Amino acid sequence: MLYESLLLLGVLAVTFIVPHLVLGIVRGLTLPGGALWLHLFLVFGAYFVWYWSHSGQTLAMQTWKLELRTATGDIPSLRQAGLRYLLAWPSLALGGIGILWALVDRDRQFLHDRLAGTQVDFKR
């Protein structure tokens, strides 16, 4: 997750920081805090859902040779990837309870993976 966070800084530089700085400098516009959080949520969602539903791997997952698959071994559908993304937020925000869930799960899955019907595994 730490490596993924570093890669997301690059994504934010292009999709978040640069456009908002340009708007602020050129137009003198600023977005309210809620709009900035929504923008962040949507940019991260587009990044994760697109990678998961197209190759089953984000850039960081490719480096560590991990992949996201369904129980049948397929690449997750757009719906499953979106559901996993939505469920991962409370899973992390509630003290990481969804991550810690893997310690008691019979298949060592995160809670958001269990609920979305996905699983992280080593690339075959």
Foldseek 3Di string as FASTA:
>chain_A
DVVVVVVVVVLCVVQPVVVQVCCCVVVVDHDDPVVSVVSVLVSVLCQQLVCQQPPQDHPVCVVVQKGKAAPVRHRDHSVLSNQLSVVVVCCVVVVVVQQCVLVVDPVSAGNSCVVSRMGMDGHD
